[in-house]
Amino acid sequence: MTNINVQCFIRDKWKCRCCGFSGNLHAHHIKFRSHGGKDELCNLVTLCNSCHSGLHMGHLVLEILQPLITDNVIKFTRKGNWSPE
């Protein structure tokens, strides 16, 4: 686990920012590295494995409502009947 991931988890109080679960956490890049996103705290959000998978499969939409230097005001929208496992 990298230092920036730990900083992300600490900032997010070791909980998924989507569902609040505190197990099997991932630091998700809001702007993917493959699209020029950087390993910076403002580009990371803590997600549990289920929400992380749901986001990548298109069941969740992440929207930045207010960008901030170390954190962002984020809104998650679930598509259809999907819910985290």
Protein backbone atom coordinates (compact mmCIF):
# COMPACT_ATOMS: atom_id res chain seq x y z
CA MET A 1 0.00 0.00 0.00
CA THR A 2 1.41 3.35 -0.99
CA ASN A 3 1.66 6.40 1.26
CA ILE A 4 -0.84 8.34 -0.91
CA ASN A 5 -3.38 5.50 -0.56
CA VAL A 6 -2.99 5.57 3.23
CA GLN A 7 -3.47 9.35 3.19
CA CYS A 8 -6.66 8.84 1.16
CA PHE A 9 -7.99 6.23 3.61
CA ILE A 10 -7.19 8.46 6.59
CA ARG A 11 -8.89 11.46 4.96
CA ASP A 12 -11.96 9.32 4.24
CA LYS A 13 -11.94 7.86 7.78
CA TRP A 14 -11.25 4.33 6.48
CA LYS A 15 -14.75 4.07 4.96
CA CYS A 16 -16.14 3.81 1.46
CA ARG A 17 -17.30 7.27 0.38
CA CYS A 18 -20.23 5.70 -1.46
CA CYS A 19 -21.76 3.19 0.98
CA GLY A 20 -19.81 3.67 4.23
CA PHE A 21 -18.46 0.10 4.42
CA SER A 22 -15.07 -0.16 6.11
CA GLY A 23 -13.73 -3.41 4.66
CA ASN A 24 -11.71 -4.31 1.54
CA LEU A 25 -10.96 -0.70 0.61
CA HIS A 26 -9.44 0.66 -2.61
CA ALA A 27 -8.10 4.10 -3.47
CA HIS A 28 -9.91 4.85 -6.74
CA HIS A 29 -8.48 7.36 -9.22
CA ILE A 30 -11.25 9.82 -10.08
CA LYS A 31 -9.48 10.69 -13.32
CA PHE A 32 -7.92 7.45 -14.49
CA ARG A 33 -4.15 7.34 -14.79
CA SER A 34 -4.65 6.12 -18.37
CA HIS A 35 -6.42 9.43 -19.04
CA GLY A 36 -3.70 11.57 -17.46
CA GLY A 37 -4.90 11.36 -13.83
CA LYS A 38 -2.23 11.73 -11.20
CA ASP A 39 -1.45 9.94 -7.95
CA GLU A 40 -2.55 12.95 -5.90
CA LEU A 41 -4.88 13.05 -2.92
CA CYS A 42 -7.37 15.28 -4.75
CA ASN A 43 -7.65 12.60 -7.48
CA LEU A 44 -8.36 9.71 -5.11
CA VAL A 45 -11.48 8.52 -3.33
CA THR A 46 -11.85 5.55 -0.96
CA LEU A 47 -14.24 2.89 -2.22
CA CYS A 48 -15.01 -0.61 -1.00
CA ASN A 49 -14.44 -3.46 -3.45
CA SER A 50 -18.13 -3.68 -4.31
CA CYS A 51 -18.58 0.04 -5.06
CA HIS A 52 -15.25 0.15 -6.90
CA SER A 53 -16.38 -2.71 -9.14
CA GLY A 54 -19.82 -1.13 -9.54
CA LEU A 55 -18.24 2.13 -10.66
CA HIS A 56 -16.04 0.42 -13.25
CA MET A 57 -18.97 -1.69 -14.51
CA GLY A 58 -21.14 1.39 -14.98
CA HIS A 59 -23.59 0.74 -12.13
CA LEU A 60 -22.43 3.88 -10.30
CA VAL A 61 -21.73 7.37 -11.56
CA LEU A 62 -19.26 9.59 -9.70
CA GLU A 63 -19.77 13.33 -10.04
CA ILE A 64 -17.50 15.98 -8.56
CA LEU A 65 -19.73 18.74 -7.21
CA GLN A 66 -16.94 20.91 -5.84
CA PRO A 67 -13.24 20.30 -6.46
CA LEU A 68 -10.95 21.04 -3.53
CA ILE A 69 -7.19 20.77 -3.02
CA THR A 70 -7.13 17.66 -0.80
CA ASP A 71 -10.71 16.44 -1.10
CA ASN A 72 -13.69 16.83 -3.38
CA VAL A 73 -17.39 17.12 -2.72
CA ILE A 74 -18.57 14.01 -4.52
CA LYS A 75 -21.98 12.65 -5.43
CA PHE A 76 -22.58 9.01 -6.33
CA THR A 77 -25.63 8.01 -8.34
CA ARG A 78 -26.71 4.38 -8.62
CA LYS A 79 -28.12 3.18 -11.91
CA GLY A 80 -31.15 0.92 -11.83
CA ASN A 81 -31.54 -1.48 -8.90
CA TRP A 82 -27.81 -1.96 -8.32
CA SER A 83 -26.62 -1.88 -4.72
CA PRO A 84 -23.28 -2.81 -3.12
CA GLU A 85 -22.96 -6.41 -1.97
